[in-house]
Every structure is written in structure tokens, then in C-alpha cells.
Amino acid sequence: MAAQDQLEVDALTKELTALKLASQGRSVSDPRINKRIAVVEDLLGRKKTATLRTPNATYKKGGMVKKQQAKVKKVMGEFKEGKLKAGKNGKTVKDKGQAIAIALSVARKKK
């Protein structure tokens, strides 16, 4: 956890403690204090969960739908059988990387 984040978490924790003590001493709850408590708890929760994440974490941006997955499977099957043709000249694809590129390209068009 960065030093700045730790300072912010400490400040929010102190404010939350003070707000809870202030609300306990009142016979009637003040809606402004209750709202501020909720806001501070939310901020504190976000800070803590944000600092738990690794900075270089990778997140899945998008995926393929079922039809696209089926298309990729079909094209790769053609490659394994030696029937996959590339481009206008119709030459048989022999490179697995090229076959994957063709499969993903075809799947993208079918989305």
C-alpha cells in the first residue's frame, strides 16, 4: 500500500470513528451525520479494496460469444485437417499462428 493511500485510509478511519461517537451521544439521530457516515464508509471500503488489487493486474476486456467460439473451433479443425486456405490465392495454411489469425478474423466478422 502506498504511503499516500495509507494516510488517506487513516484519516477516513479517524473521521468515521469521530462521526460514530458523535451519533451515539444524541438521543435523536441526525440524518446529516448518518449520511456522512455512509459516505465515509463507502470511501473507506473503496480505498481498501483498491489497495488490495495488484497494480499490474490484467482484466478481461471482452470475450467471444458462443457463435464466435464455434467458428474458431471450426477453422482450427480445418487447419488440422490441412483444408484451411488463405487469401485470394487459396494456398493451404501451414503456420499455426496464421491459422489462429484467420480464425480470430473470421470470428470477429461473425459477431
PDB file of N, CA and C in Angstrom:
ATOM      1  N   MET A   1       0.852  -1.169   0.000  1.00  0.00           N
ATOM      2  CA  MET A   1       0.000   0.000   0.000  1.00  0.00           C
ATOM      3  C   MET A   1       0.899   1.234   0.000  1.00  0.00           C
ATOM      4  N   ALA A   2       0.572   2.186  -0.847  1.00  0.00           N
ATOM      5  CA  ALA A   2       1.366   3.405  -0.939  1.00  0.00           C
ATOM      6  C   ALA A   2       1.178   4.244   0.321  1.00  0.00           C
ATOM      7  N   ALA A   3       2.169   5.069   0.615  1.00  0.00           N
ATOM      8  CA  ALA A   3       2.120   5.892   1.823  1.00  0.00           C
ATOM      9  C   ALA A   3       0.948   6.866   1.777  1.00  0.00           C
ATOM     10  N   GLN A   4       0.695   7.440   0.601  1.00  0.00           N
ATOM     11  CA  GLN A   4      -0.414   8.394   0.449  1.00  0.00           C
ATOM     12  C   GLN A   4      -1.755   7.695   0.701  1.00  0.00           C
ATOM     13  N   ASP A   5      -1.905   6.501   0.151  1.00  0.00           N
ATOM     14  CA  ASP A   5      -3.141   5.749   0.357  1.00  0.00           C
ATOM     15  C   ASP A   5      -3.323   5.402   1.834  1.00  0.00           C
ATOM     16  N   GLN A   6      -2.238   5.044   2.496  1.00  0.00           N
ATOM     17  CA  GLN A   6      -2.323   4.696   3.912  1.00  0.00           C
ATOM     18  C   GLN A   6      -2.749   5.907   4.741  1.00  0.00           C
ATOM     19  N   LEU A   7      -2.230   7.091   4.398  1.00  0.00           N
ATOM     20  CA  LEU A   7      -2.619   8.311   5.109  1.00  0.00           C
ATOM     21  C   LEU A   7      -4.103   8.616   4.912  1.00  0.00           C
ATOM     22  N   GLU A   8      -4.578   8.431   3.690  1.00  0.00           N
ATOM     23  CA  GLU A   8      -5.999   8.671   3.413  1.00  0.00           C
ATOM     24  C   GLU A   8      -6.886   7.687   4.164  1.00  0.00           C
ATOM     25  N   VAL A   9      -6.476   6.428   4.201  1.00  0.00           N
ATOM     26  CA  VAL A   9      -7.244   5.411   4.930  1.00  0.00           C
ATOM     27  C   VAL A   9      -7.276   5.752   6.421  1.00  0.00           C
ATOM     28  N   ASP A  10      -6.136   6.155   6.972  1.00  0.00           N
ATOM     29  CA  ASP A  10      -6.080   6.526   8.394  1.00  0.00           C
ATOM     30  C   ASP A  10      -6.981   7.718   8.691  1.00  0.00           C
ATOM     31  N   ALA A  11      -6.955   8.724   7.813  1.00  0.00           N
ATOM     32  CA  ALA A  11      -7.790   9.916   8.015  1.00  0.00           C
ATOM     33  C   ALA A  11      -9.269   9.562   7.953  1.00  0.00           C
ATOM     34  N   LEU A  12      -9.637   8.717   6.993  1.00  0.00           N
ATOM     35  CA  LEU A  12     -11.038   8.307   6.880  1.00  0.00           C
ATOM     36  C   LEU A  12     -11.475   7.476   8.087  1.00  0.00           C
ATOM     37  N   THR A  13     -10.577   6.641   8.583  1.00  0.00           N
ATOM     38  CA  THR A  13     -10.903   5.834   9.763  1.00  0.00           C
ATOM     39  C   THR A  13     -11.127   6.711  10.985  1.00  0.00           C
ATOM     40  N   LYS A  14     -10.275   7.722  11.148  1.00  0.00           N
ATOM     41  CA  LYS A  14     -10.441   8.653  12.279  1.00  0.00           C
ATOM     42  C   LYS A  14     -11.752   9.421  12.166  1.00  0.00           C
ATOM     43  N   GLU A  15     -12.063   9.883  10.946  1.00  0.00           N
ATOM     44  CA  GLU A  15     -13.311  10.630  10.755  1.00  0.00           C
ATOM     45  C   GLU A  15     -14.517   9.747  11.039  1.00  0.00           C
ATOM     46  N   LEU A  16     -14.467   8.505  10.597  1.00  0.00           N
ATOM     47  CA  LEU A  16     -15.567   7.578  10.833  1.00  0.00           C
ATOM     48  C   LEU A  16     -15.767   7.326  12.324  1.00  0.00           C
ATOM     49  N   THR A  17     -14.672   7.154  13.048  1.00  0.00           N
ATOM     50  CA  THR A  17     -14.758   6.947  14.493  1.00  0.00           C
ATOM     51  C   THR A  17     -15.379   8.157  15.182  1.00  0.00           C
ATOM     52  N   ALA A  18     -14.945   9.351  14.786  1.00  0.00           N
ATOM     53  CA  ALA A  18     -15.484  10.574  15.381  1.00  0.00           C
ATOM     54  C   ALA A  18     -16.969  10.728  15.083  1.00  0.00           C
ATOM     55  N   LEU A  19     -17.373  10.411  13.861  1.00  0.00           N
ATOM     56  CA  LEU A  19     -18.788  10.522  13.494  1.00  0.00           C
ATOM     57  C   LEU A  19     -19.650   9.533  14.281  1.00  0.00           C
ATOM     58  N   LYS A  20     -19.143   8.332  14.449  1.00  0.00           N
ATOM     59  CA  LYS A  20     -19.915   7.338  15.198  1.00  0.00           C
ATOM     60  C   LYS A  20     -20.041   7.725  16.667  1.00  0.00           C
ATOM     61  N   LEU A  21     -18.977   8.293  17.238  1.00  0.00           N
ATOM     62  CA  LEU A  21     -19.054   8.762  18.618  1.00  0.00           C
ATOM     63  C   LEU A  21     -20.045   9.918  18.740  1.00  0.00           C
ATOM     64  N   ALA A  22     -20.047  10.810  17.756  1.00  0.00           N
ATOM     65  CA  ALA A  22     -20.974  11.950  17.784  1.00  0.00           C
ATOM     66  C   ALA A  22     -22.420  11.489  17.676  1.00  0.00           C
ATOM     67  N   SER A  23     -22.654  10.455  16.873  1.00  0.00           N
ATOM     68  CA  SER A  23     -24.037   9.988  16.697  1.00  0.00           C
ATOM     69  C   SER A  23     -24.525   9.207  17.908  1.00  0.00           C
ATOM     70  N   GLN A  24     -23.615   8.600  18.676  1.00  0.00           N
ATOM     71  CA  GLN A  24     -24.021   7.838  19.857  1.00  0.00           C
ATOM     72  C   GLN A  24     -24.488   8.746  20.983  1.00  0.00           C
ATOM     73  N   GLY A  25     -23.940   9.936  21.080  1.00  0.00           N
ATOM     74  CA  GLY A  25     -24.287  10.836  22.171  1.00  0.00           C
ATOM     75  C   GLY A  25     -25.625  11.530  21.994  1.00  0.00           C
ATOM     76  N   ARG A  26     -26.264  11.379  20.857  1.00  0.00           N
ATOM     77  CA  ARG A  26     -27.531  12.065  20.592  1.00  0.00           C
ATOM     78  C   ARG A  26     -28.708  11.122  20.849  1.00  0.00           C
ATOM     79  N   SER A  27     -29.771  11.699  21.385  1.00  0.00           N
ATOM     80  CA  SER A  27     -30.969  10.898  21.615  1.00  0.00           C
ATOM     81  C   SER A  27     -31.737  10.701  20.305  1.00  0.00           C
ATOM     82  N   VAL A  28     -31.678  11.719  19.421  1.00  0.00           N
ATOM     83  CA  VAL A  28     -32.321  11.628  18.110  1.00  0.00           C
ATOM     84  C   VAL A  28     -31.206  11.620  17.063  1.00  0.00           C
ATOM     85  N   SER A  29     -31.267  10.667  16.160  1.00  0.00           N
ATOM     86  CA  SER A  29     -30.197  10.572  15.172  1.00  0.00           C
ATOM     87  C   SER A  29     -30.313  11.709  14.150  1.00  0.00           C
ATOM     88  N   ASP A  30     -29.182  12.284  13.835  1.00  0.00           N
ATOM     89  CA  ASP A  30     -29.123  13.382  12.875  1.00  0.00           C
ATOM     90  C   ASP A  30     -28.928  12.783  11.479  1.00  0.00           C
ATOM     91  N   PRO A  31     -29.821  13.064  10.539  1.00  0.00           N
ATOM     92  CA  PRO A  31     -29.682  12.467   9.205  1.00  0.00           C
ATOM     93  C   PRO A  31     -28.411  12.904   8.481  1.00  0.00           C
ATOM     94  N   ARG A  32     -27.915  14.108   8.777  1.00  0.00           N
ATOM     95  CA  ARG A  32     -26.677  14.572   8.137  1.00  0.00           C
ATOM     96  C   ARG A  32     -25.488  13.728   8.578  1.00  0.00           C
ATOM     97  N   ILE A  33     -25.445  13.395   9.875  1.00  0.00           N
ATOM     98  CA  ILE A  33     -24.346  12.571  10.393  1.00  0.00           C
ATOM     99  C   ILE A  33     -24.438  11.159   9.812  1.00  0.00           C
ATOM    100  N   ASN A  34     -25.665  10.623   9.760  1.00  0.00           N
ATOM    101  CA  ASN A  34     -25.838   9.274   9.223  1.00  0.00           C
ATOM    102  C   ASN A  34     -25.426   9.205   7.753  1.00  0.00           C
ATOM    103  N   LYS A  35     -25.759  10.256   7.007  1.00  0.00           N
ATOM    104  CA  LYS A  35     -25.392  10.285   5.595  1.00  0.00           C
ATOM    105  C   LYS A  35     -23.870  10.364   5.447  1.00  0.00           C
ATOM    106  N   ARG A  36     -23.230  11.197   6.262  1.00  0.00           N
ATOM    107  CA  ARG A  36     -21.768  11.332   6.194  1.00  0.00           C
ATOM    108  C   ARG A  36     -21.090  10.025   6.589  1.00  0.00           C
ATOM    109  N   ILE A  37     -21.639   9.321   7.583  1.00  0.00           N
ATOM    110  CA  ILE A  37     -21.086   8.028   7.981  1.00  0.00           C
ATOM    111  C   ILE A  37     -21.130   7.058   6.794  1.00  0.00           C
ATOM    112  N   ALA A  38     -22.269   7.047   6.095  1.00  0.00           N
ATOM    113  CA  ALA A  38     -22.409   6.155   4.943  1.00  0.00           C
ATOM    114  C   ALA A  38     -21.395   6.502   3.852  1.00  0.00           C
ATOM    115  N   VAL A  39     -21.198   7.793   3.607  1.00  0.00           N
ATOM    116  CA  VAL A  39     -20.247   8.231   2.579  1.00  0.00           C
ATOM    117  C   VAL A  39     -18.822   7.843   2.956  1.00  0.00           C
ATOM    118  N   VAL A  40     -18.460   8.081   4.215  1.00  0.00           N
ATOM    119  CA  VAL A  40     -17.103   7.765   4.662  1.00  0.00           C
ATOM    120  C   VAL A  40     -16.860   6.257   4.629  1.00  0.00           C
ATOM    121  N   GLU A  41     -17.856   5.463   5.034  1.00  0.00           N
ATOM    122  CA  GLU A  41     -17.708   4.008   4.985  1.00  0.00           C
ATOM    123  C   GLU A  41     -17.523   3.535   3.545  1.00  0.00           C
ATOM    124  N   ASP A  42     -18.269   4.146   2.618  1.00  0.00           N
ATOM    125  CA  ASP A  42     -18.146   3.793   1.207  1.00  0.00           C
ATOM    126  C   ASP A  42     -16.753   4.133   0.682  1.00  0.00           C
ATOM    127  N   LEU A  43     -16.280   5.336   0.993  1.00  0.00           N
ATOM    128  CA  LEU A  43     -14.941   5.744   0.556  1.00  0.00           C
ATOM    129  C   LEU A  43     -13.867   4.842   1.144  1.00  0.00           C
ATOM    130  N   LEU A  44     -14.028   4.527   2.415  1.00  0.00           N
ATOM    131  CA  LEU A  44     -13.058   3.678   3.091  1.00  0.00           C
ATOM    132  C   LEU A  44     -13.034   2.286   2.471  1.00  0.00           C
ATOM    133  N   GLY A  45     -14.196   1.755   2.160  1.00  0.00           N
ATOM    134  CA  GLY A  45     -14.270   0.443   1.508  1.00  0.00           C
ATOM    135  C   GLY A  45     -13.605   0.447   0.154  1.00  0.00           C
ATOM    136  N   ARG A  46     -13.833   1.520  -0.610  1.00  0.00           N
ATOM    137  CA  ARG A  46     -13.216   1.613  -1.942  1.00  0.00           C
ATOM    138  C   ARG A  46     -11.702   1.724  -1.839  1.00  0.00           C
ATOM    139  N   LYS A  47     -11.218   2.520  -0.870  1.00  0.00           N
ATOM    140  CA  LYS A  47      -9.770   2.680  -0.703  1.00  0.00           C
ATOM    141  C   LYS A  47      -9.124   1.344  -0.350  1.00  0.00           C
ATOM    142  N   LYS A  48      -9.758   0.611   0.556  1.00  0.00           N
ATOM    143  CA  LYS A  48      -9.172  -0.649   0.994  1.00  0.00           C
ATOM    144  C   LYS A  48      -9.167  -1.674  -0.131  1.00  0.00           C
ATOM    145  N   THR A  49     -10.258  -1.757  -0.887  1.00  0.00           N
ATOM    146  CA  THR A  49     -10.284  -2.736  -1.973  1.00  0.00           C
ATOM    147  C   THR A  49      -9.373  -2.310  -3.113  1.00  0.00           C
ATOM    148  N   ALA A  50      -9.233  -1.014  -3.340  1.00  0.00           N
ATOM    149  CA  ALA A  50      -8.349  -0.545  -4.411  1.00  0.00           C
ATOM    150  C   ALA A  50      -6.902  -0.856  -4.088  1.00  0.00           C
ATOM    151  N   THR A  51      -6.541  -0.780  -2.824  1.00  0.00           N
ATOM    152  CA  THR A  51      -5.152  -1.042  -2.457  1.00  0.00           C
ATOM    153  C   THR A  51      -4.856  -2.538  -2.409  1.00  0.00           C
ATOM    154  N   LEU A  52      -5.898  -3.374  -2.325  1.00  0.00           N
ATOM    155  CA  LEU A  52      -5.681  -4.808  -2.310  1.00  0.00           C
ATOM    156  C   LEU A  52      -5.356  -5.336  -3.704  1.00  0.00           C
ATOM    157  N   ARG A  53      -5.831  -4.651  -4.740  1.00  0.00           N
ATOM    158  CA  ARG A  53      -5.565  -5.095  -6.104  1.00  0.00           C
ATOM    159  C   ARG A  53      -4.101  -4.909  -6.444  1.00  0.00           C
ATOM    160  N   THR A  54      -3.587  -5.804  -7.249  1.00  0.00           N
ATOM    161  CA  THR A  54      -2.219  -5.651  -7.707  1.00  0.00           C
ATOM    162  C   THR A  54      -2.192  -4.607  -8.812  1.00  0.00           C
ATOM    163  N   PRO A  55      -1.166  -3.784  -8.872  1.00  0.00           N
ATOM    164  CA  PRO A  55      -1.151  -2.709  -9.857  1.00  0.00           C
ATOM    165  C   PRO A  55      -1.077  -3.193 -11.293  1.00  0.00           C
ATOM    166  N   ASN A  56      -0.501  -4.361 -11.531  1.00  0.00           N
ATOM    167  CA  ASN A  56      -0.349  -4.859 -12.886  1.00  0.00           C
ATOM    168  C   ASN A  56      -1.368  -5.945 -13.226  1.00  0.00           C
ATOM    169  N   ALA A  57      -2.480  -5.946 -12.518  1.00  0.00           N
ATOM    170  CA  ALA A  57      -3.488  -6.969 -12.757  1.00  0.00           C
ATOM    171  C   ALA A  57      -4.092  -6.788 -14.147  1.00  0.00           C
ATOM    172  N   THR A  58      -4.314  -7.900 -14.816  1.00  0.00           N
ATOM    173  CA  THR A  58      -4.928  -7.836 -16.133  1.00  0.00           C
ATOM    174  C   THR A  58      -6.396  -8.206 -15.996  1.00  0.00           C
ATOM    175  N   TYR A  59      -7.229  -7.494 -16.673  1.00  0.00           N
ATOM    176  CA  TYR A  59      -8.653  -7.722 -16.616  1.00  0.00           C
ATOM    177  C   TYR A  59      -9.142  -8.090 -18.004  1.00  0.00           C
ATOM    178  N   LYS A  60     -10.040  -9.028 -18.066  1.00  0.00           N
ATOM    179  CA  LYS A  60     -10.587  -9.452 -19.337  1.00  0.00           C
ATOM    180  C   LYS A  60     -11.472  -8.337 -19.887  1.00  0.00           C
ATOM    181  N   LYS A  61     -11.147  -7.839 -21.047  1.00  0.00           N
ATOM    182  CA  LYS A  61     -11.890  -6.725 -21.620  1.00  0.00           C
ATOM    183  C   LYS A  61     -13.110  -7.205 -22.377  1.00  0.00           C
ATOM    184  N   GLY A  62     -12.995  -8.310 -23.007  1.00  0.00           N
ATOM    185  CA  GLY A  62     -14.123  -8.826 -23.770  1.00  0.00           C
ATOM    186  C   GLY A  62     -13.836 -10.259 -24.131  1.00  0.00           C
ATOM    187  N   GLY A  63     -14.819 -10.919 -24.563  1.00  0.00           N
ATOM    188  CA  GLY A  63     -14.622 -12.308 -24.918  1.00  0.00           C
ATOM    189  C   GLY A  63     -15.404 -12.623 -26.170  1.00  0.00           C
ATOM    190  N   MET A  64     -15.383 -13.868 -26.520  1.00  0.00           N
ATOM    191  CA  MET A  64     -16.114 -14.295 -27.698  1.00  0.00           C
ATOM    192  C   MET A  64     -17.431 -14.912 -27.266  1.00  0.00           C
ATOM    193  N   VAL A  65     -18.457 -14.665 -28.064  1.00  0.00           N
ATOM    194  CA  VAL A  65     -19.741 -15.302 -27.812  1.00  0.00           C
ATOM    195  C   VAL A  65     -19.687 -16.724 -28.353  1.00  0.00           C
ATOM    196  N   LYS A  66     -20.700 -17.502 -28.082  1.00  0.00           N
ATOM    197  CA  LYS A  66     -20.704 -18.925 -28.447  1.00  0.00           C
ATOM    198  C   LYS A  66     -20.500 -19.135 -29.949  1.00  0.00           C
ATOM    199  N   LYS A  67     -21.152 -18.307 -30.761  1.00  0.00           N
ATOM    200  CA  LYS A  67     -21.027 -18.467 -32.211  1.00  0.00           C
ATOM    201  C   LYS A  67     -19.588 -18.225 -32.665  1.00  0.00           C
ATOM    202  N   GLN A  68     -18.943 -17.259 -32.043  1.00  0.00           N
ATOM    203  CA  GLN A  68     -17.557 -16.972 -32.398  1.00  0.00           C
ATOM    204  C   GLN A  68     -16.644 -18.119 -31.982  1.00  0.00           C
ATOM    205  N   GLN A  69     -16.879 -18.672 -30.796  1.00  0.00           N
ATOM    206  CA  GLN A  69     -16.075 -19.796 -30.333  1.00  0.00           C
ATOM    207  C   GLN A  69     -16.226 -20.984 -31.271  1.00  0.00           C
ATOM    208  N   ALA A  70     -17.458 -21.208 -31.724  1.00  0.00           N
ATOM    209  CA  ALA A  70     -17.706 -22.316 -32.643  1.00  0.00           C
ATOM    210  C   ALA A  70     -16.984 -22.089 -33.967  1.00  0.00           C
ATOM    211  N   LYS A  71     -16.972 -20.848 -34.426  1.00  0.00           N
ATOM    212  CA  LYS A  71     -16.309 -20.529 -35.691  1.00  0.00           C
ATOM    213  C   LYS A  71     -14.796 -20.757 -35.580  1.00  0.00           C
ATOM    214  N   VAL A  72     -14.206 -20.331 -34.463  1.00  0.00           N
ATOM    215  CA  VAL A  72     -12.775 -20.541 -34.246  1.00  0.00           C
ATOM    216  C   VAL A  72     -12.473 -22.042 -34.212  1.00  0.00           C
ATOM    217  N   LYS A  73     -13.310 -22.798 -33.536  1.00  0.00           N
ATOM    218  CA  LYS A  73     -13.119 -24.245 -33.448  1.00  0.00           C
ATOM    219  C   LYS A  73     -13.180 -24.889 -34.834  1.00  0.00           C
ATOM    220  N   LYS A  74     -14.132 -24.427 -35.650  1.00  0.00           N
ATOM    221  CA  LYS A  74     -14.287 -24.968 -36.993  1.00  0.00           C
ATOM    222  C   LYS A  74     -13.059 -24.658 -37.858  1.00  0.00           C
ATOM    223  N   VAL A  75     -12.605 -23.412 -37.813  1.00  0.00           N
ATOM    224  CA  VAL A  75     -11.459 -23.001 -38.633  1.00  0.00           C
ATOM    225  C   VAL A  75     -10.195 -23.736 -38.188  1.00  0.00           C
ATOM    226  N   MET A  76      -9.991 -23.892 -36.892  1.00  0.00           N
ATOM    227  CA  MET A  76      -8.806 -24.607 -36.409  1.00  0.00           C
ATOM    228  C   MET A  76      -8.883 -26.092 -36.778  1.00  0.00           C
ATOM    229  N   GLY A  77     -10.100 -26.627 -36.815  1.00  0.00           N
ATOM    230  CA  GLY A  77     -10.274 -28.012 -37.269  1.00  0.00           C
ATOM    231  C   GLY A  77      -9.867 -28.156 -38.727  1.00  0.00           C
ATOM    232  N   GLU A  78     -10.265 -27.172 -39.540  1.00  0.00           N
ATOM    233  CA  GLU A  78      -9.860 -27.176 -40.951  1.00  0.00           C
ATOM    234  C   GLU A  78      -8.336 -27.124 -41.069  1.00  0.00           C
ATOM    235  N   PHE A  79      -7.703 -26.324 -40.218  1.00  0.00           N
ATOM    236  CA  PHE A  79      -6.240 -26.224 -40.250  1.00  0.00           C
ATOM    237  C   PHE A  79      -5.601 -27.567 -39.924  1.00  0.00           C
ATOM    238  N   LYS A  80      -6.116 -28.243 -38.910  1.00  0.00           N
ATOM    239  CA  LYS A  80      -5.544 -29.528 -38.505  1.00  0.00           C
ATOM    240  C   LYS A  80      -5.720 -30.596 -39.587  1.00  0.00           C
ATOM    241  N   GLU A  81      -6.826 -30.491 -40.322  1.00  0.00           N
ATOM    242  CA  GLU A  81      -7.069 -31.443 -41.403  1.00  0.00           C
ATOM    243  C   GLU A  81      -6.296 -31.084 -42.674  1.00  0.00           C
ATOM    244  N   GLY A  82      -5.728 -29.866 -42.696  1.00  0.00           N
ATOM    245  CA  GLY A  82      -4.978 -29.425 -43.867  1.00  0.00           C
ATOM    246  C   GLY A  82      -5.857 -28.858 -44.963  1.00  0.00           C
ATOM    247  N   LYS A  83      -7.080 -28.431 -44.614  1.00  0.00           N
ATOM    248  CA  LYS A  83      -8.027 -27.910 -45.599  1.00  0.00           C
ATOM    249  C   LYS A  83      -8.191 -26.394 -45.539  1.00  0.00           C
ATOM    250  N   LEU A  84      -7.513 -25.732 -44.597  1.00  0.00           N
ATOM    251  CA  LEU A  84      -7.668 -24.286 -44.440  1.00  0.00           C
ATOM    252  C   LEU A  84      -6.877 -23.565 -45.523  1.00  0.00           C
ATOM    253  N   LYS A  85      -7.570 -22.712 -46.271  1.00  0.00           N
ATOM    254  CA  LYS A  85      -6.953 -21.947 -47.351  1.00  0.00           C
ATOM    255  C   LYS A  85      -6.856 -20.489 -46.928  1.00  0.00           C
ATOM    256  N   ALA A  86      -5.811 -19.813 -47.415  1.00  0.00           N
ATOM    257  CA  ALA A  86      -5.582 -18.433 -47.026  1.00  0.00           C
ATOM    258  C   ALA A  86      -5.655 -17.513 -48.232  1.00  0.00           C
ATOM    259  N   GLY A  87      -6.309 -16.391 -48.049  1.00  0.00           N
ATOM    260  CA  GLY A  87      -6.296 -15.324 -49.044  1.00  0.00           C
ATOM    261  C   GLY A  87      -6.936 -15.680 -50.369  1.00  0.00           C
ATOM    262  N   LYS A  88      -6.700 -14.822 -51.348  1.00  0.00           N
ATOM    263  CA  LYS A  88      -7.296 -14.995 -52.668  1.00  0.00           C
ATOM    264  C   LYS A  88      -6.602 -16.086 -53.470  1.00  0.00           C
ATOM    265  N   ASN A  89      -5.310 -16.312 -53.173  1.00  0.00           N
ATOM    266  CA  ASN A  89      -4.583 -17.323 -53.943  1.00  0.00           C
ATOM    267  C   ASN A  89      -4.967 -18.743 -53.547  1.00  0.00           C
ATOM    268  N   GLY A  90      -5.560 -18.926 -52.378  1.00  0.00           N
ATOM    269  CA  GLY A  90      -6.056 -20.230 -51.957  1.00  0.00           C
ATOM    270  C   GLY A  90      -4.989 -21.226 -51.537  1.00  0.00           C
ATOM    271  N   LYS A  91      -3.838 -20.737 -51.126  1.00  0.00           N
ATOM    272  CA  LYS A  91      -2.787 -21.649 -50.671  1.00  0.00           C
ATOM    273  C   LYS A  91      -3.156 -22.232 -49.311  1.00  0.00           C
ATOM    274  N   THR A  92      -2.732 -23.464 -49.096  1.00  0.00           N
ATOM    275  CA  THR A  92      -3.005 -24.126 -47.819  1.00  0.00           C
ATOM    276  C   THR A  92      -2.159 -23.497 -46.718  1.00  0.00           C
ATOM    277  N   VAL A  93      -2.795 -23.254 -45.586  1.00  0.00           N
ATOM    278  CA  VAL A  93      -2.103 -22.643 -44.451  1.00  0.00           C
ATOM    279  C   VAL A  93      -1.297 -23.715 -43.724  1.00  0.00           C
ATOM    280  N   LYS A  94      -0.021 -23.433 -43.507  1.00  0.00           N
ATOM    281  CA  LYS A  94       0.847 -24.397 -42.815  1.00  0.00           C
ATOM    282  C   LYS A  94       1.319 -23.887 -41.462  1.00  0.00           C
ATOM    283  N   ASP A  95       1.155 -22.590 -41.202  1.00  0.00           N
ATOM    284  CA  ASP A  95       1.619 -21.980 -39.959  1.00  0.00           C
ATOM    285  C   ASP A  95       0.453 -21.870 -38.975  1.00  0.00           C
ATOM    286  N   LYS A  96       0.649 -22.382 -37.776  1.00  0.00           N
ATOM    287  CA  LYS A  96      -0.421 -22.357 -36.763  1.00  0.00           C
ATOM    288  C   LYS A  96      -0.793 -20.929 -36.384  1.00  0.00           C
ATOM    289  N   GLY A  97       0.202 -20.038 -36.300  1.00  0.00           N
ATOM    290  CA  GLY A  97      -0.069 -18.638 -35.964  1.00  0.00           C
ATOM    291  C   GLY A  97      -0.967 -17.974 -36.996  1.00  0.00           C
ATOM    292  N   GLN A  98      -0.713 -18.290 -38.272  1.00  0.00           N
ATOM    293  CA  GLN A  98      -1.543 -17.728 -39.332  1.00  0.00           C
ATOM    294  C   GLN A  98      -2.955 -18.293 -39.240  1.00  0.00           C
ATOM    295  N   ALA A  99      -3.069 -19.567 -38.900  1.00  0.00           N
ATOM    296  CA  ALA A  99      -4.388 -20.190 -38.759  1.00  0.00           C
ATOM    297  C   ALA A  99      -5.170 -19.533 -37.624  1.00  0.00           C
ATOM    298  N   ILE A 100      -4.493 -19.238 -36.525  1.00  0.00           N
ATOM    299  CA  ILE A 100      -5.161 -18.567 -35.398  1.00  0.00           C
ATOM    300  C   ILE A 100      -5.609 -17.179 -35.816  1.00  0.00           C
ATOM    301  N   ALA A 101      -4.765 -16.470 -36.556  1.00  0.00           N
ATOM    302  CA  ALA A 101      -5.124 -15.130 -37.016  1.00  0.00           C
ATOM    303  C   ALA A 101      -6.350 -15.174 -37.925  1.00  0.00           C
ATOM    304  N   ILE A 102      -6.395 -16.156 -38.815  1.00  0.00           N
ATOM    305  CA  ILE A 102      -7.548 -16.295 -39.714  1.00  0.00           C
ATOM    306  C   ILE A 102      -8.793 -16.628 -38.903  1.00  0.00           C
ATOM    307  N   ALA A 103      -8.658 -17.544 -37.946  1.00  0.00           N
ATOM    308  CA  ALA A 103      -9.802 -17.950 -37.127  1.00  0.00           C
ATOM    309  C   ALA A 103     -10.383 -16.781 -36.365  1.00  0.00           C
ATOM    310  N   LEU A 104      -9.511 -15.978 -35.754  1.00  0.00           N
ATOM    311  CA  LEU A 104     -10.000 -14.826 -34.978  1.00  0.00           C
ATOM    312  C   LEU A 104     -10.620 -13.776 -35.888  1.00  0.00           C
ATOM    313  N   SER A 105     -10.041 -13.604 -37.068  1.00  0.00           N
ATOM    314  CA  SER A 105     -10.571 -12.635 -38.020  1.00  0.00           C
ATOM    315  C   SER A 105     -11.972 -13.051 -38.492  1.00  0.00           C
ATOM    316  N   VAL A 106     -12.130 -14.315 -38.808  1.00  0.00           N
ATOM    317  CA  VAL A 106     -13.425 -14.815 -39.248  1.00  0.00           C
ATOM    318  C   VAL A 106     -14.445 -14.707 -38.120  1.00  0.00           C
ATOM    319  N   ALA A 107     -14.022 -15.037 -36.902  1.00  0.00           N
ATOM    320  CA  ALA A 107     -14.917 -14.967 -35.744  1.00  0.00           C
ATOM    321  C   ALA A 107     -15.351 -13.524 -35.492  1.00  0.00           C
ATOM    322  N   ARG A 108     -14.439 -12.582 -35.670  1.00  0.00           N
ATOM    323  CA  ARG A 108     -14.765 -11.176 -35.454  1.00  0.00           C
ATOM    324  C   ARG A 108     -15.834 -10.710 -36.444  1.00  0.00           C
ATOM    325  N   LYS A 109     -15.746 -11.192 -37.656  1.00  0.00           N
ATOM    326  CA  LYS A 109     -16.712 -10.815 -38.686  1.00  0.00           C
ATOM    327  C   LYS A 109     -18.084 -11.409 -38.394  1.00  0.00           C
ATOM    328  N   LYS A 110     -18.123 -12.540 -37.708  1.00  0.00           N
ATOM    329  CA  LYS A 110     -19.384 -13.232 -37.446  1.00  0.00           C
ATOM    330  C   LYS A 110     -20.097 -12.720 -36.211  1.00  0.00           C
ATOM    331  N   LYS A 111     -19.493 -11.811 -35.455  1.00  0.00           N
ATOM    332  CA  LYS A 111     -20.077 -11.328 -34.205  1.00  0.00           C
ATOM    333  C   LYS A 111     -21.309 -10.579 -34.420  1.00  0.00           C
TER     334      LYS A 111
END
